[in-house]
N, C-alpha and C. Protein backbone atom coordinates (compact mmCIF):
# COMPACT_ATOMS: atom_id res chain seq x y z
N LEU A 1 83.94 23.55 50.57
CA LEU A 1 82.75 22.78 50.89
C LEU A 1 82.78 22.38 52.37
N THR A 2 81.62 22.23 52.94
CA THR A 2 81.54 21.96 54.38
C THR A 2 81.18 20.50 54.65
N ASP A 3 81.15 20.17 55.95
CA ASP A 3 80.75 18.83 56.36
C ASP A 3 79.36 18.51 55.85
N GLY A 4 78.48 19.47 55.88
CA GLY A 4 77.11 19.28 55.38
C GLY A 4 77.10 18.84 53.94
N ASN A 5 77.97 19.41 53.12
CA ASN A 5 78.03 19.02 51.72
C ASN A 5 78.49 17.58 51.56
N TYR A 6 79.48 17.18 52.37
CA TYR A 6 79.95 15.80 52.29
C TYR A 6 78.83 14.84 52.68
N THR A 7 78.09 15.20 53.72
CA THR A 7 76.96 14.37 54.15
C THR A 7 75.92 14.26 53.04
N ASP A 8 75.62 15.38 52.39
CA ASP A 8 74.64 15.37 51.29
C ASP A 8 75.14 14.54 50.11
N LEU A 9 76.42 14.68 49.79
CA LEU A 9 76.98 13.94 48.66
C LEU A 9 77.01 12.44 48.94
N THR A 10 77.37 12.05 50.16
CA THR A 10 77.39 10.62 50.48
C THR A 10 75.97 10.05 50.49
N LEU A 11 75.00 10.86 50.87
CA LEU A 11 73.60 10.42 50.81
C LEU A 11 73.19 10.16 49.37
N GLN A 12 73.67 10.99 48.45
CA GLN A 12 73.40 10.77 47.02
C GLN A 12 74.06 9.47 46.55
N CYS A 13 75.26 9.19 47.05
CA CYS A 13 75.93 7.92 46.73
C CYS A 13 75.05 6.76 47.20
N TRP A 14 74.54 6.87 48.41
CA TRP A 14 73.69 5.82 48.97
C TRP A 14 72.42 5.66 48.15
N ASP A 15 71.78 6.77 47.81
CA ASP A 15 70.53 6.70 47.04
C ASP A 15 70.77 6.04 45.68
N TYR A 16 71.90 6.33 45.06
CA TYR A 16 72.24 5.71 43.78
C TYR A 16 72.44 4.20 43.95
N PHE A 17 73.12 3.82 45.03
CA PHE A 17 73.33 2.41 45.34
C PHE A 17 71.99 1.70 45.53
N VAL A 18 71.10 2.29 46.31
CA VAL A 18 69.78 1.70 46.56
C VAL A 18 69.03 1.55 45.24
N ASP A 19 69.15 2.55 44.38
CA ASP A 19 68.49 2.48 43.06
C ASP A 19 69.06 1.32 42.24
N LEU A 20 70.38 1.14 42.24
CA LEU A 20 71.00 0.03 41.51
C LEU A 20 70.57 -1.31 42.10
N MET A 21 70.43 -1.37 43.40
CA MET A 21 70.07 -2.63 44.06
C MET A 21 68.61 -3.03 43.80
N ARG A 22 67.80 -2.09 43.35
CA ARG A 22 66.40 -2.43 43.00
C ARG A 22 66.34 -3.42 41.84
N ASN A 23 67.39 -3.43 41.02
CA ASN A 23 67.44 -4.34 39.87
C ASN A 23 67.94 -5.74 40.23
N VAL A 24 68.35 -5.93 41.47
CA VAL A 24 68.90 -7.21 41.90
C VAL A 24 67.80 -8.01 42.59
N ARG A 25 67.58 -9.23 42.07
CA ARG A 25 66.58 -10.10 42.70
C ARG A 25 67.09 -10.61 44.04
N THR A 26 66.16 -10.93 44.93
CA THR A 26 66.53 -11.42 46.26
C THR A 26 67.41 -12.65 46.17
N SER A 27 67.13 -13.52 45.22
CA SER A 27 67.91 -14.77 45.08
C SER A 27 69.35 -14.50 44.63
N GLU A 28 69.62 -13.30 44.13
CA GLU A 28 70.95 -12.97 43.62
C GLU A 28 71.77 -12.09 44.57
N LEU A 29 71.22 -11.78 45.74
CA LEU A 29 71.89 -10.85 46.66
C LEU A 29 73.25 -11.32 47.14
N CYS A 30 73.50 -12.61 47.11
CA CYS A 30 74.78 -13.12 47.60
C CYS A 30 75.71 -13.53 46.46
N GLU A 31 75.35 -13.20 45.23
CA GLU A 31 76.20 -13.53 44.08
C GLU A 31 77.05 -12.32 43.74
N TRP A 32 78.36 -12.45 43.97
CA TRP A 32 79.28 -11.33 43.79
C TRP A 32 79.23 -10.78 42.38
N LYS A 33 79.10 -11.64 41.37
CA LYS A 33 79.11 -11.15 39.99
C LYS A 33 77.91 -10.23 39.73
N VAL A 34 76.85 -10.38 40.51
CA VAL A 34 75.65 -9.55 40.35
C VAL A 34 75.75 -8.27 41.17
N ILE A 35 76.23 -8.38 42.39
CA ILE A 35 76.22 -7.21 43.27
C ILE A 35 77.53 -6.44 43.28
N SER A 36 78.54 -6.93 42.58
CA SER A 36 79.84 -6.24 42.61
C SER A 36 79.77 -4.84 42.02
N ARG A 37 78.98 -4.66 40.95
CA ARG A 37 78.91 -3.32 40.34
C ARG A 37 78.25 -2.31 41.27
N PRO A 38 77.04 -2.59 41.80
CA PRO A 38 76.46 -1.61 42.72
C PRO A 38 77.34 -1.35 43.94
N TYR A 39 77.92 -2.41 44.49
CA TYR A 39 78.77 -2.27 45.68
C TYR A 39 80.00 -1.43 45.36
N SER A 40 80.62 -1.70 44.22
CA SER A 40 81.80 -0.94 43.81
C SER A 40 81.45 0.52 43.52
N GLU A 41 80.27 0.74 42.95
CA GLU A 41 79.81 2.10 42.68
C GLU A 41 79.66 2.88 43.99
N LEU A 42 79.06 2.24 44.99
CA LEU A 42 78.90 2.89 46.29
C LEU A 42 80.26 3.23 46.89
N GLN A 43 81.14 2.26 46.92
CA GLN A 43 82.46 2.46 47.49
C GLN A 43 83.23 3.54 46.71
N GLY A 44 83.17 3.47 45.39
CA GLY A 44 83.87 4.44 44.56
C GLY A 44 83.34 5.85 44.74
N CYS A 45 82.04 5.98 44.85
CA CYS A 45 81.41 7.29 45.04
C CYS A 45 81.82 7.89 46.39
N LEU A 46 81.75 7.07 47.44
CA LEU A 46 82.13 7.54 48.77
C LEU A 46 83.60 7.97 48.80
N GLU A 47 84.44 7.17 48.15
CA GLU A 47 85.87 7.47 48.11
C GLU A 47 86.14 8.72 47.27
N PHE A 48 85.44 8.85 46.13
CA PHE A 48 85.63 10.00 45.24
C PHE A 48 85.35 11.31 45.97
N TRP A 49 84.19 11.37 46.66
CA TRP A 49 83.83 12.63 47.33
C TRP A 49 84.71 12.91 48.53
N ALA A 50 85.15 11.87 49.21
CA ALA A 50 86.07 12.07 50.34
C ALA A 50 87.37 12.68 49.83
N GLU A 51 87.88 12.12 48.75
CA GLU A 51 89.12 12.62 48.17
C GLU A 51 88.95 14.04 47.65
N ARG A 52 87.85 14.28 46.97
CA ARG A 52 87.57 15.58 46.38
C ARG A 52 87.46 16.68 47.44
N LEU A 53 86.93 16.30 48.62
CA LEU A 53 86.74 17.28 49.69
C LEU A 53 87.85 17.22 50.75
N ASN A 54 88.94 16.51 50.42
CA ASN A 54 90.09 16.38 51.31
C ASN A 54 89.73 15.73 52.65
N TYR A 55 88.87 14.73 52.60
CA TYR A 55 88.56 13.92 53.77
C TYR A 55 89.42 12.67 53.70
N SER A 56 89.67 12.09 54.85
CA SER A 56 90.37 10.81 54.82
C SER A 56 89.38 9.74 54.36
N TYR A 57 89.90 8.69 53.79
CA TYR A 57 89.05 7.57 53.40
C TYR A 57 89.78 6.29 53.76
N PRO A 58 89.13 5.35 54.41
CA PRO A 58 87.73 5.38 54.83
C PRO A 58 87.53 6.32 56.02
N ASN A 59 86.32 6.81 56.14
CA ASN A 59 85.96 7.68 57.25
C ASN A 59 84.68 7.14 57.88
N ALA A 60 84.30 7.72 59.00
CA ALA A 60 83.17 7.20 59.77
C ALA A 60 81.87 7.19 58.96
N LEU A 61 81.63 8.25 58.21
CA LEU A 61 80.39 8.33 57.44
C LEU A 61 80.37 7.30 56.30
N ALA A 62 81.49 7.17 55.61
CA ALA A 62 81.59 6.18 54.52
C ALA A 62 81.42 4.77 55.08
N GLU A 63 82.08 4.49 56.20
CA GLU A 63 81.96 3.16 56.81
C GLU A 63 80.52 2.88 57.24
N GLN A 64 79.84 3.92 57.70
CA GLN A 64 78.44 3.75 58.10
C GLN A 64 77.59 3.28 56.91
N TYR A 65 77.83 3.85 55.73
CA TYR A 65 77.08 3.44 54.54
C TYR A 65 77.44 2.02 54.11
N ILE A 66 78.71 1.66 54.22
CA ILE A 66 79.14 0.30 53.87
C ILE A 66 78.48 -0.71 54.83
N PHE A 67 78.52 -0.41 56.12
CA PHE A 67 77.87 -1.29 57.10
C PHE A 67 76.37 -1.37 56.85
N GLN A 68 75.78 -0.23 56.52
CA GLN A 68 74.35 -0.19 56.25
C GLN A 68 74.01 -1.07 55.04
N SER A 69 74.87 -1.06 54.02
CA SER A 69 74.62 -1.89 52.84
C SER A 69 74.65 -3.37 53.21
N HIS A 70 75.60 -3.75 54.06
CA HIS A 70 75.69 -5.15 54.50
C HIS A 70 74.48 -5.53 55.33
N HIS A 71 74.10 -4.64 56.23
CA HIS A 71 72.98 -4.93 57.11
C HIS A 71 71.67 -5.04 56.32
N ARG A 72 71.50 -4.18 55.34
CA ARG A 72 70.23 -4.15 54.60
C ARG A 72 70.14 -5.22 53.52
N TYR A 73 71.24 -5.49 52.82
CA TYR A 73 71.18 -6.37 51.66
C TYR A 73 71.90 -7.71 51.82
N PHE A 74 72.98 -7.75 52.54
CA PHE A 74 73.85 -8.92 52.51
C PHE A 74 73.94 -9.67 53.83
N HIS A 75 73.06 -9.37 54.79
CA HIS A 75 73.19 -9.98 56.12
C HIS A 75 72.96 -11.49 56.13
N ASN A 76 72.28 -12.04 55.14
CA ASN A 76 72.03 -13.49 55.11
C ASN A 76 73.03 -14.26 54.26
N CYS A 77 73.97 -13.60 53.65
CA CYS A 77 74.85 -14.26 52.69
C CYS A 77 75.71 -15.36 53.32
N THR A 78 76.20 -15.16 54.51
CA THR A 78 77.06 -16.17 55.11
C THR A 78 76.29 -17.45 55.41
N LEU A 79 74.97 -17.35 55.58
CA LEU A 79 74.17 -18.53 55.90
C LEU A 79 73.94 -19.41 54.68
N GLU A 80 74.10 -18.84 53.49
CA GLU A 80 73.81 -19.60 52.28
C GLU A 80 74.97 -20.50 51.86
N HIS A 81 76.15 -20.21 52.36
CA HIS A 81 77.30 -21.03 51.99
C HIS A 81 77.37 -22.23 52.92
N PRO A 82 77.69 -23.39 52.39
CA PRO A 82 77.74 -24.58 53.25
C PRO A 82 78.82 -24.44 54.33
N VAL A 83 78.51 -24.96 55.47
CA VAL A 83 79.47 -24.97 56.57
C VAL A 83 80.07 -26.37 56.61
N TYR A 84 81.38 -26.44 56.56
CA TYR A 84 82.05 -27.73 56.52
C TYR A 84 82.44 -28.16 57.93
N PHE A 85 82.26 -29.44 58.20
CA PHE A 85 82.62 -30.00 59.48
C PHE A 85 83.68 -31.06 59.27
N ASP A 86 84.42 -31.39 60.34
CA ASP A 86 85.38 -32.49 60.27
C ASP A 86 84.61 -33.79 60.05
N PRO A 87 85.22 -34.74 59.34
CA PRO A 87 84.55 -36.04 59.16
C PRO A 87 84.46 -36.76 60.51
N PRO A 88 83.62 -37.78 60.58
CA PRO A 88 83.55 -38.56 61.83
C PRO A 88 84.93 -39.14 62.16
N GLU A 89 85.14 -39.43 63.45
CA GLU A 89 86.47 -39.87 63.90
C GLU A 89 86.96 -41.12 63.21
N ASP A 90 86.06 -42.09 62.95
CA ASP A 90 86.51 -43.33 62.31
C ASP A 90 86.98 -43.08 60.88
N VAL A 91 86.30 -42.18 60.18
CA VAL A 91 86.71 -41.85 58.80
C VAL A 91 88.03 -41.09 58.84
N LEU A 92 88.15 -40.16 59.76
CA LEU A 92 89.38 -39.39 59.89
C LEU A 92 90.56 -40.31 60.22
N LEU A 93 90.34 -41.25 61.13
CA LEU A 93 91.38 -42.19 61.51
C LEU A 93 91.82 -43.04 60.30
N ALA A 94 90.85 -43.50 59.53
CA ALA A 94 91.17 -44.29 58.32
C ALA A 94 91.97 -43.46 57.32
N MET A 95 91.61 -42.19 57.19
CA MET A 95 92.31 -41.31 56.24
C MET A 95 93.75 -41.04 56.70
N ILE A 96 93.99 -41.10 57.98
CA ILE A 96 95.35 -40.88 58.50
C ILE A 96 96.17 -42.16 58.45
N ILE A 97 95.56 -43.27 58.85
CA ILE A 97 96.29 -44.55 58.96
C ILE A 97 96.60 -45.17 57.60
N ALA A 98 95.70 -45.06 56.64
CA ALA A 98 95.90 -45.69 55.33
C ALA A 98 97.23 -45.27 54.68
N PRO A 99 97.53 -43.99 54.56
CA PRO A 99 98.82 -43.63 53.95
C PRO A 99 100.01 -44.08 54.79
N ILE A 100 99.87 -44.05 56.10
CA ILE A 100 100.97 -44.49 56.97
C ILE A 100 101.27 -45.97 56.75
N CYS A 101 100.22 -46.79 56.60
CA CYS A 101 100.41 -48.23 56.36
C CYS A 101 100.99 -48.50 54.98
N LEU A 102 100.75 -47.64 54.04
CA LEU A 102 101.27 -47.82 52.69
C LEU A 102 102.77 -47.57 52.60
N ILE A 103 103.30 -46.74 53.46
CA ILE A 103 104.71 -46.36 53.38
C ILE A 103 105.65 -47.57 53.50
N PRO A 104 105.53 -48.46 54.51
CA PRO A 104 106.44 -49.62 54.57
C PRO A 104 106.31 -50.51 53.33
N PHE A 105 105.09 -50.70 52.83
CA PHE A 105 104.89 -51.50 51.63
C PHE A 105 105.62 -50.89 50.44
N LEU A 106 105.50 -49.58 50.26
CA LEU A 106 106.15 -48.92 49.13
C LEU A 106 107.68 -48.95 49.27
N VAL A 107 108.18 -48.77 50.48
CA VAL A 107 109.63 -48.84 50.70
C VAL A 107 110.13 -50.23 50.37
N THR A 108 109.43 -51.27 50.81
CA THR A 108 109.81 -52.65 50.52
C THR A 108 109.79 -52.90 49.01
N LEU A 109 108.79 -52.41 48.34
CA LEU A 109 108.67 -52.57 46.89
C LEU A 109 109.85 -51.92 46.17
N VAL A 110 110.22 -50.70 46.58
CA VAL A 110 111.35 -50.00 45.95
C VAL A 110 112.64 -50.76 46.17
N ILE A 111 112.89 -51.24 47.38
CA ILE A 111 114.12 -52.00 47.69
C ILE A 111 114.15 -53.29 46.88
N TRP A 112 113.04 -54.01 46.84
CA TRP A 112 112.96 -55.27 46.10
C TRP A 112 113.23 -55.04 44.61
N ARG A 113 112.61 -53.96 44.03
CA ARG A 113 112.81 -53.69 42.61
C ARG A 113 114.26 -53.27 42.33
N SER A 114 114.88 -52.53 43.25
CA SER A 114 116.26 -52.11 43.01
C SER A 114 117.22 -53.31 43.11
N LYS A 115 116.96 -54.25 44.01
CA LYS A 115 117.78 -55.45 44.11
C LYS A 115 117.60 -56.32 42.87
N ASP A 116 116.36 -56.39 42.38
CA ASP A 116 116.05 -57.19 41.19
C ASP A 116 116.77 -56.64 39.96
N SER A 117 116.80 -55.29 39.85
CA SER A 117 117.47 -54.70 38.68
C SER A 117 118.99 -54.86 38.76
N LYS A 118 119.56 -54.90 39.98
CA LYS A 118 121.00 -55.12 40.17
C LYS A 118 121.35 -56.56 39.81
N ALA A 119 120.49 -57.53 40.15
CA ALA A 119 120.72 -58.95 39.88
C ALA A 119 120.73 -59.21 38.38
N GLN A 120 119.91 -58.44 37.64
CA GLN A 120 119.83 -58.64 36.19
C GLN A 120 121.04 -58.03 35.49
N ALA A 121 121.69 -57.08 36.12
CA ALA A 121 122.82 -56.39 35.48
C ALA A 121 124.09 -57.18 35.43
């Protein structure tokens, strides 16, 4: 088989992927449980034909289809996940200082309780 055949076969993989993606609603494009099957089918098909035709995998053509899938279907997915920021400085400072202030109190409590139990013995 020639390079032309690999190109034709990978195009069929892509067409099958596009057909599977027609069943996915826009609101579900970033849900892995929904898109994992079509995505895995595309990847598996590209890998299968590369292996069958003694091509290396991943290869430039296969990567082009994977990038194309991200560009066409999944380009907005990172925007839908919340972006976390550091808390304000005063909250962060309180979260750091509170445990540090507790340490001397807890050490004192442990020493006092151990002395008390020795006195009772």
